Protein backbone atom coordinates (compact mmCIF):
# COMPACT_ATOMS: atom_id res chain seq x y z
CA MET A 1 23.40 129.65 125.33
CA SER A 2 26.62 131.53 126.04
CA VAL A 3 29.06 130.81 128.89
CA PRO A 4 32.53 132.14 129.76
CA LEU A 5 35.46 130.46 128.06
CA ASP A 6 37.36 130.97 131.31
CA TYR A 7 35.38 131.30 134.55
CA ALA A 8 38.30 133.24 136.05
CA ASP A 9 37.50 135.91 133.44
CA PRO A 10 33.67 135.92 133.38
CA GLU A 11 33.47 139.07 131.22
CA GLY A 12 35.95 137.76 128.65
CA GLU A 13 35.60 135.49 125.61
CA ARG A 14 32.49 133.29 125.41
CA VAL A 15 31.70 129.81 124.08
CA SER A 16 28.30 128.36 123.24
CA LEU A 17 26.48 125.37 124.69
CA ALA A 18 23.69 123.69 122.74
CA VAL A 19 20.81 122.71 125.04
CA SER A 20 17.69 120.67 124.20
CA ARG A 21 14.41 120.22 126.02
CA ILE A 22 11.40 117.93 125.84
CA ARG A 23 8.74 119.48 128.03
CA SER A 24 6.52 117.49 130.35
CA ALA A 25 3.31 116.52 128.58
CA HIS A 26 1.46 117.48 131.78
CA PRO A 27 2.75 120.84 133.03
CA GLU A 28 0.38 120.72 136.00
CA GLN A 29 2.32 117.66 137.27
CA ARG A 30 5.80 119.04 136.54
CA ARG A 31 8.14 119.28 139.52
CA GLY A 32 11.19 120.63 137.65
CA VAL A 33 13.83 119.62 135.15
CA LEU A 34 15.86 116.43 134.77
CA LEU A 35 19.25 117.07 133.17
CA LEU A 36 20.78 114.10 131.34
CA VAL A 37 24.58 114.19 131.50
CA PRO A 38 26.55 112.15 128.93
CA GLY A 39 29.54 109.90 129.46
CA GLY A 40 32.93 110.12 127.86
CA PRO A 41 34.75 112.36 128.36
CA GLY A 42 33.82 113.38 124.86
CA GLY A 43 30.24 112.13 124.64
CA SER A 44 27.35 114.09 123.15
CA GLY A 45 24.21 114.61 125.21
CA LEU A 46 21.98 116.78 123.03
CA ASN A 47 19.77 113.87 121.94
CA LEU A 48 19.57 112.11 125.32
CA PRO A 49 16.04 113.42 126.09
CA SER A 50 14.75 111.70 122.95
CA THR A 51 16.77 108.47 123.48
CA ALA A 52 17.67 107.54 127.07
CA GLY A 53 14.99 109.87 128.41
CA GLN A 54 12.26 107.95 126.61
CA THR A 55 13.14 104.74 128.50
CA LEU A 56 11.68 106.34 131.62
CA PRO A 57 8.01 105.53 132.25
CA GLU A 58 5.45 108.18 131.46
CA SER A 59 4.77 108.69 135.16
CA VAL A 60 8.37 109.89 135.60
CA ARG A 61 8.54 111.89 132.38
CA ASP A 62 5.43 113.81 133.43
CA GLU A 63 7.33 115.04 136.48
CA TYR A 64 10.10 116.76 134.51
CA ASP A 65 11.17 118.65 131.48
CA LEU A 66 13.95 116.45 130.06
CA ILE A 67 17.07 118.50 129.33
CA GLY A 68 20.04 117.49 127.19
CA PHE A 69 23.17 119.35 126.17
CA ASP A 70 26.41 118.99 124.27
CA PRO A 71 29.33 119.73 126.61
CA ARG A 72 31.76 122.41 125.52
CA GLY A 73 33.93 121.12 122.69
CA ILE A 74 31.33 118.66 121.35
CA GLY A 75 28.67 118.49 118.65
CA ALA A 76 26.45 121.55 118.33
CA SER A 77 28.34 123.44 121.06
CA THR A 78 31.59 125.30 120.32
CA VAL A 79 33.72 122.49 118.88
CA ALA A 80 37.24 121.58 119.97
CA ASN A 81 39.79 120.24 117.51
CA CYS A 82 43.42 119.27 118.04
CA HIS A 83 43.82 118.20 114.38
CA ILE A 84 45.22 114.85 115.46
CA SER A 85 46.56 112.91 112.49
CA GLN A 86 43.91 110.57 111.12
CA GLN A 87 46.04 107.47 111.65
CA ASP A 88 46.32 108.26 115.37
CA LEU A 89 42.54 108.64 115.85
CA ALA A 90 41.88 104.88 115.69
CA PRO A 91 41.08 103.63 119.23
CA GLU A 92 43.78 100.99 119.11
CA ARG A 93 46.31 103.79 118.53
CA LEU A 94 44.80 106.65 120.52
CA ARG A 95 44.43 104.41 123.55
CA SER A 96 47.64 103.38 125.29
CA TRP A 97 48.08 99.92 123.82
CA PRO A 98 51.70 98.71 124.06
CA ASP A 99 53.71 97.42 121.14
CA ALA A 100 53.32 93.81 120.02
CA ASP A 101 56.35 92.78 122.11
CA GLY A 102 55.08 94.61 125.21
CA GLY A 103 57.36 97.60 124.74
CA ILE A 104 55.97 101.13 124.70
CA ALA A 105 58.13 102.95 122.14
CA GLU A 106 55.32 103.38 119.59
CA ASN A 107 52.80 104.18 122.34
CA VAL A 108 55.11 106.98 123.53
CA ALA A 109 55.55 108.35 120.01
CA ILE A 110 51.79 108.39 119.32
CA GLU A 111 50.83 110.05 122.61
CA ARG A 112 53.58 112.64 122.26
CA ARG A 113 52.21 113.52 118.80
CA VAL A 114 48.68 113.81 120.20
CA ALA A 115 49.80 116.11 123.03
CA GLU A 116 51.79 118.26 120.61
CA ALA A 117 48.77 118.53 118.29
CA CYS A 118 46.54 119.74 121.15
CA VAL A 119 49.13 122.25 122.30
CA ARG A 120 49.61 123.50 118.73
CA ASP A 121 45.98 123.59 117.58
CA GLY A 122 43.70 123.16 120.61
CA GLY A 123 43.96 126.76 121.77
CA ALA A 124 42.25 128.29 124.78
CA LEU A 125 39.19 126.06 124.38
CA VAL A 126 41.17 122.87 125.01
CA ARG A 127 42.91 124.51 127.97
CA SER A 128 39.48 125.38 129.42
CA ILE A 129 37.99 121.87 129.29
CA GLY A 130 37.79 119.81 132.47
CA THR A 131 35.35 118.45 135.01
CA ARG A 132 35.19 121.50 137.27
CA THR A 133 34.45 123.64 134.21
CA ALA A 134 31.77 121.14 133.16
CA ALA A 135 30.14 121.52 136.59
CA ARG A 136 30.13 125.30 136.23
CA ASP A 137 28.62 124.99 132.76
CA ILE A 138 25.82 122.86 134.23
CA ASP A 139 25.11 125.52 136.82
CA ARG A 140 24.79 128.13 134.03
CA ILE A 141 22.30 125.81 132.31
CA ARG A 142 20.35 125.64 135.59
CA GLU A 143 20.29 129.44 135.79
CA ALA A 144 19.21 129.78 132.16
CA LEU A 145 16.29 127.42 132.81
CA GLY A 146 15.23 129.52 135.77
CA GLN A 147 15.54 126.66 138.25
CA ARG A 148 16.67 127.00 141.86
CA ARG A 149 17.48 123.28 141.90
CA ILE A 150 17.88 120.62 139.20
CA ALA A 151 17.50 116.87 139.15
CA ALA A 152 20.07 115.07 137.02
CA TRP A 153 20.92 111.62 135.66
CA GLY A 154 24.52 110.95 134.71
CA THR A 155 26.05 107.81 133.24
CA SER A 156 29.72 106.74 133.31
CA TYR A 157 31.90 109.90 133.17
CA GLY A 158 28.67 111.81 133.74
CA THR A 159 28.63 110.35 137.27
CA TYR A 160 31.87 112.13 138.08
CA VAL A 161 30.69 115.38 136.51
CA LEU A 162 27.58 115.27 138.69
CA SER A 163 29.59 114.26 141.77
CA VAL A 164 31.70 117.37 141.29
CA TYR A 165 28.57 119.42 140.64
CA ALA A 166 26.97 118.08 143.83
CA THR A 167 30.17 119.02 145.70
CA LEU A 168 30.51 122.55 144.31
CA PHE A 169 26.80 123.38 144.00
CA GLY A 170 25.06 121.02 146.42
CA GLU A 171 22.42 123.61 147.35
CA HIS A 172 21.24 123.60 143.73
CA THR A 173 20.74 119.82 143.49
CA ASP A 174 17.42 118.01 143.56
CA ARG A 175 17.51 114.25 142.89
CA ILE A 176 20.86 113.01 141.56
CA LEU A 177 20.95 109.60 139.83
CA LEU A 178 24.42 108.21 139.08
CA ASP A 179 24.58 105.15 136.82
CA SER A 180 27.88 103.21 136.36
CA ASN A 181 30.13 105.12 138.68
CA ASP A 182 33.65 106.46 138.49
CA ASP A 183 36.07 106.33 141.40
CA PRO A 184 36.40 109.93 142.71
CA ASP A 185 39.97 109.55 144.10
CA PRO A 186 41.00 113.24 144.12
CA GLU A 187 44.73 112.48 143.81
CA ARG A 188 44.44 110.29 140.69
CA VAL A 189 40.97 110.72 139.15
CA GLU A 190 41.21 109.58 135.50
CA ARG A 191 44.47 107.76 136.14
CA THR A 192 42.51 105.47 138.46
CA TRP A 193 39.73 105.02 135.90
CA LEU A 194 42.11 103.82 133.22
CA GLY A 195 43.84 101.47 135.63
CA ASN A 196 40.46 100.14 136.75
CA SER A 197 39.61 99.11 133.19
CA ALA A 198 41.91 96.10 133.62
CA VAL A 199 39.89 95.04 136.66
CA GLY A 200 36.61 95.68 134.86
CA ALA A 201 37.59 93.51 131.89
CA GLU A 202 38.48 90.63 134.20
CA ASP A 203 35.23 91.08 136.16
CA ARG A 204 33.13 90.98 132.99
CA PHE A 205 34.93 88.48 130.72
CA PRO A 206 33.46 85.37 132.43
CA ASP A 207 29.98 86.47 131.29
CA PHE A 208 31.20 86.52 127.69
CA ALA A 209 33.10 83.24 128.11
CA ARG A 210 30.04 81.40 129.48
CA TRP A 211 27.94 82.72 126.60
CA ALA A 212 30.61 81.77 124.04
CA ALA A 213 30.85 78.23 125.43
CA ALA A 214 27.10 77.56 125.56
CA GLU A 215 25.79 74.61 123.58
CA GLY A 216 23.50 75.62 120.76
CA ASN A 217 25.11 79.05 120.38
CA PRO A 218 25.62 79.58 116.62
CA ASP A 219 28.68 81.70 117.43
CA ARG A 220 30.11 79.24 119.94
CA LEU A 221 33.87 79.48 120.37
CA ALA A 222 34.85 76.56 122.61
CA ALA A 223 33.46 73.84 124.87
CA THR A 224 34.23 75.56 128.20
CA PRO A 225 34.63 79.14 129.46
CA GLU A 226 38.24 78.36 130.37
CA ALA A 227 38.92 77.27 126.79
CA VAL A 228 37.35 80.50 125.48
CA ARG A 229 39.79 82.54 127.55
CA ASP A 230 42.80 80.50 126.39
CA GLN A 231 41.62 80.76 122.80
CA PHE A 232 41.27 84.54 122.98
CA LEU A 233 44.70 85.07 124.54
CA THR A 234 46.37 82.73 122.05
CA LEU A 235 44.70 84.42 119.08
CA ALA A 236 45.60 87.91 120.29
CA ALA A 237 49.24 86.87 120.64
CA ARG A 238 49.19 85.38 117.13
CA LEU A 239 47.74 88.60 115.71
CA ASP A 240 50.45 90.57 117.50
CA ARG A 241 52.97 88.69 115.37
CA ALA A 242 50.95 88.51 112.14
CA PRO A 243 47.96 90.87 111.75
CA LEU A 244 45.24 89.86 109.30
CA PRO A 245 44.28 92.16 106.42
CA TRP A 246 40.91 93.80 107.10
CA PRO A 247 39.66 95.98 104.25
CA GLY A 248 37.42 98.77 105.47
CA ALA A 249 38.82 98.85 109.01
CA GLU A 250 40.43 102.04 110.33
CA THR A 251 43.89 100.48 110.35
CA SER A 252 43.21 98.10 107.39
CA ALA A 253 44.32 95.12 109.51
CA LEU A 254 43.26 93.17 112.59
CA SER A 255 46.12 93.21 115.08
CA GLY A 256 46.29 91.77 118.56
CA ASN A 257 45.52 95.15 120.02
CA GLY A 258 42.69 95.59 117.55
CA LEU A 259 41.17 92.33 118.78
CA ARG A 260 41.61 93.39 122.41
CA GLN A 261 39.90 96.71 121.67
CA ILE A 262 37.00 94.89 120.00
CA LEU A 263 36.66 92.73 123.11
CA LEU A 264 36.62 95.73 125.46
CA ASP A 265 33.96 97.43 123.34
CA GLY A 266 31.99 94.19 123.16
CA LEU A 267 31.93 93.69 126.93
CA TYR A 268 29.81 96.83 127.34
CA LYS A 269 26.58 95.02 126.35
CA ASP A 270 25.49 91.40 125.95
CA GLN A 271 24.07 92.34 122.55
CA ARG A 272 27.62 92.92 121.31
CA PHE A 273 28.84 89.43 122.18
CA PRO A 274 27.95 87.86 118.80
CA TYR A 275 30.06 90.36 116.84
CA VAL A 276 33.09 89.71 119.07
CA ALA A 277 32.68 85.95 118.60
CA GLN A 278 32.25 86.29 114.84
CA VAL A 279 35.51 88.24 114.58
CA ILE A 280 37.31 85.64 116.71
CA ASN A 281 35.92 82.69 114.73
CA ALA A 282 36.88 84.27 111.40
CA ALA A 283 40.36 85.19 112.63
CA LEU A 284 40.96 81.67 113.95
CA ARG A 285 40.26 80.35 110.44
CA SER A 286 42.19 83.23 108.83
CA GLY A 287 39.03 83.68 106.81
CA ALA A 288 37.05 86.71 105.71
CA LEU A 289 36.44 88.95 108.69
CA PRO A 290 33.00 90.47 109.32
CA ALA A 291 32.43 94.02 108.17
CA ALA A 292 34.33 96.44 110.39
CA ARG A 293 32.20 98.65 112.59
CA LEU A 294 31.77 102.11 111.14
CA SER A 295 33.89 104.88 112.63
CA PRO A 296 32.34 108.26 113.44
CA PRO A 297 32.89 111.03 110.88
CA GLU A 298 36.31 112.61 111.33
CA PRO A 299 35.03 115.96 112.70
CA ALA A 300 33.11 114.13 115.45
CA ALA A 301 36.08 111.88 116.18
CA GLN A 302 38.41 114.89 116.37
CA ALA A 303 36.11 116.74 118.78
CA SER A 304 35.63 113.70 121.00
CA ALA A 305 39.37 113.00 121.12
CA ALA A 306 40.20 116.63 121.92
CA VAL A 307 37.69 116.75 124.78
CA MET A 308 38.84 113.39 126.12
CA VAL A 309 42.51 114.38 126.08
CA ALA A 310 41.82 117.82 127.55
CA THR A 311 39.71 116.43 130.39
CA LEU A 312 42.18 113.70 131.33
CA CYS A 313 45.13 116.06 131.25
CA ASN A 314 43.58 119.18 132.79
CA ASP A 315 41.92 117.36 135.70
CA VAL A 316 45.03 115.80 137.28
CA ALA A 317 48.82 115.65 136.94
CA TRP A 318 50.26 112.50 135.35
CA PRO A 319 53.70 110.92 135.78
CA THR A 320 56.27 111.94 133.17
CA SER A 321 58.90 109.18 133.42
CA VAL A 322 58.74 106.88 130.40
CA ASP A 323 60.74 104.24 132.28
CA ASP A 324 58.15 104.21 135.07
CA TYR A 325 55.38 103.67 132.53
CA ALA A 326 57.32 100.80 130.94
CA THR A 327 57.67 99.11 134.34
CA ALA A 328 53.98 99.58 135.15
CA VAL A 329 52.90 98.23 131.74
CA ALA A 330 55.01 95.09 132.14
CA ALA A 331 53.54 94.37 135.58
CA ASP A 332 49.96 95.03 134.47
CA ARG A 333 50.44 92.95 131.33
CA ALA A 334 51.37 89.95 133.47
CA ARG A 335 48.60 90.48 136.02
CA TYR A 336 45.77 91.29 133.61
CA PRO A 337 46.52 89.60 130.27
CA LEU A 338 43.17 90.49 128.66
CA THR A 339 44.18 94.17 128.51
CA ALA A 340 47.90 93.52 127.87
CA GLY A 341 49.18 96.49 129.90
CA MET A 342 47.13 99.18 128.10
CA PRO A 343 45.54 100.60 131.29
CA ARG A 344 48.99 101.58 132.59
CA GLY A 345 50.36 102.89 129.31
CA VAL A 346 51.51 106.37 128.41
CA SER A 347 48.82 108.97 127.76
CA PRO A 348 49.20 112.38 126.12
CA CYS A 349 49.08 113.79 129.66
CA ALA A 350 52.68 112.67 130.23
CA PHE A 351 53.63 115.47 127.84
CA TRP A 352 51.01 118.05 128.88
CA PRO A 353 52.51 121.50 129.55
CA TYR A 354 49.53 123.19 131.20
CA PRO A 355 48.72 123.45 134.93
CA VAL A 356 45.98 121.19 136.26
CA ALA A 357 42.74 122.27 137.95
CA PRO A 358 42.37 122.33 141.73
CA ARG A 359 41.41 118.90 143.01
CA THR A 360 37.82 118.20 144.02
CA VAL A 361 37.15 116.11 147.11
CA VAL A 362 33.70 114.50 147.08
CA THR A 363 32.38 114.29 150.66
CA GLY A 364 29.25 113.57 152.64
CA SER A 365 28.61 117.26 153.15
CA GLY A 366 25.39 118.31 151.45
CA PRO A 367 21.84 117.12 150.78
CA SER A 368 21.08 113.40 151.11
CA ASN A 369 19.69 113.15 147.60
CA VAL A 370 22.04 110.85 145.65
CA LEU A 371 21.25 107.35 144.32
CA LEU A 372 24.05 105.24 142.82
CA LEU A 373 23.19 102.48 140.35
CA GLN A 374 25.88 99.92 139.56
CA ASN A 375 26.34 96.54 137.85
CA LEU A 376 28.57 94.16 139.79
CA ARG A 377 30.42 93.23 136.59
CA ASP A 378 30.91 96.52 134.76
CA PRO A 379 33.85 96.43 132.32
CA ALA A 380 34.50 100.17 132.26
CA THR A 381 33.59 101.47 135.73
CA PRO A 382 34.03 98.43 137.95
CA TYR A 383 32.10 97.86 141.15
CA SER A 384 35.26 98.16 143.25
CA GLY A 385 35.74 101.76 142.07
CA ALA A 386 32.04 102.58 142.47
CA LEU A 387 32.28 101.57 146.13
CA HIS A 388 34.80 104.37 146.63
CA LEU A 389 32.28 106.92 145.36
CA ARG A 390 29.64 105.41 147.65
CA GLN A 391 32.05 105.74 150.57
CA ALA A 392 32.94 109.34 149.67
CA PHE A 393 29.30 110.45 149.63
CA GLY A 394 28.55 108.78 152.96
CA ASP A 395 24.95 109.28 154.06
CA ARG A 396 24.29 111.60 151.12
CA ALA A 397 23.91 108.47 148.98
CA ARG A 398 22.46 105.00 148.71
CA MET A 399 23.62 102.36 146.23
CA VAL A 400 21.53 99.91 144.24
CA ALA A 401 23.86 97.21 142.94
CA VAL A 402 22.71 94.75 140.28
CA ASP A 403 24.05 91.21 139.96
CA GLY A 404 24.63 91.69 136.26
CA GLY A 405 27.20 92.66 133.67
CA GLY A 406 27.72 95.48 131.24
CA HIS A 407 28.16 99.23 131.29
CA GLY A 408 25.02 101.24 132.03
CA VAL A 409 22.29 99.81 134.26
CA TYR A 410 18.99 101.60 133.60
CA PRO A 411 16.82 100.28 132.11
CA SER A 412 17.78 96.94 133.60
CA PRO A 413 16.42 93.43 133.00
CA VAL A 414 16.21 93.28 136.80
CA ALA A 415 12.89 94.79 137.89
CA CYS A 416 13.97 95.73 141.40
CA ALA A 417 16.64 98.09 140.01
CA ASN A 418 14.16 99.81 137.69
CA ASP A 419 11.65 100.15 140.51
CA ALA A 420 14.26 101.80 142.74
CA VAL A 421 15.22 104.31 140.04
CA GLU A 422 11.65 105.19 139.16
CA ARG A 423 10.53 105.62 142.78
CA PHE A 424 13.53 107.86 143.42
CA LEU A 425 12.88 110.12 140.43
CA ARG A 426 9.12 110.15 140.97
CA ASP A 427 8.89 110.83 144.70
CA GLY A 428 12.44 111.00 146.07
CA THR A 429 12.25 107.68 147.94
CA ARG A 430 15.52 105.78 148.34
CA PRO A 431 16.15 102.38 149.93
CA ASP A 432 16.71 102.63 153.68
CA GLN A 433 20.08 100.98 153.11
CA ASP A 434 22.18 99.85 150.16
CA LEU A 435 20.45 97.21 148.09
CA THR A 436 21.62 94.39 145.82
CA CYS A 437 19.18 93.27 143.09
CA ARG A 438 19.67 89.70 141.90
């Protein structure tokens, strides 16, 4: 479908959005549509009806047509591209990891190059991308489907997109499920999210450390969780000084920041713990490292990076003083050693020349039809930040918290969380008050 490039000029240039649908198998039971909103920024959602959507029980799927879409800039929609140099696309370079000695000179140089690439090659599409635009795109999808109201399920960054949608277009919302929630602080938005990742890593790491210290674990790292932490920090510092060759990896070597990035990725799901431990065990022995995880094809990586950068930089103004970043990195590095100062590092937004979008303040004004789902130990969107979204929504929302770890709750190994989600989507019932599932 076609939507305006710039909603301030609705009759001007257009961009396309790719939308997918799996219809209810029982149209006579159908109550409407359930839109699945991807995370990111920079995630694809076109296939969500045939992946995440199929984890819902049949009794819920019968109630809805499942709708997916690729946000503007991604996948089968009009694609964004900043033509970032390939060496800068690797996560340990694109993310704001400091230099091995804690300085930020290389971080500044990389992020300045990324910003310059987006200004040079991103064009009007990159300038158009942001969360308020994403909310308007969703409302055009609603119109195209002929729906007065839509139900929606968003995960991670998708929770903020839907929070903004529910703020701007509350009268068009049905049941809104938000899984793994972003802090909606209107003054800082994504700046808060990145800072929160240091908290999330500390919240979640003990789960990994207990697993890695368990007797009988073939990938055991140490005898106690405390020793696992010391071992990881010592190894990362060693790799800062002397990276190990790693044929097939994006940067061809395992550095300290590379190991830290592997840990952050691994904390998302328990199923990723063995790979993290295998890399650590091999690096401790300076032996052959496991096969590096495959990177996405360059066109997909370019699109995802362009959308991520555009969203972060168009949504909110960022500080521009390099000295202030250096001070913040040093303090964060000391307070949260697992992330080594990265969450306070320089982003391309420090060099962004374009004006930012009007701020969006999420409030309790609107239908009481929001359910928040949140792990207590989420490495990416920590519980402490999710509580701020719960507070902002007020009586519009209820929260189901799960005494568990990882990013993304549903489907959960905890039955009471799944029951709450499925009742909400099936008949609109929410807990009378916030609930913790243990």
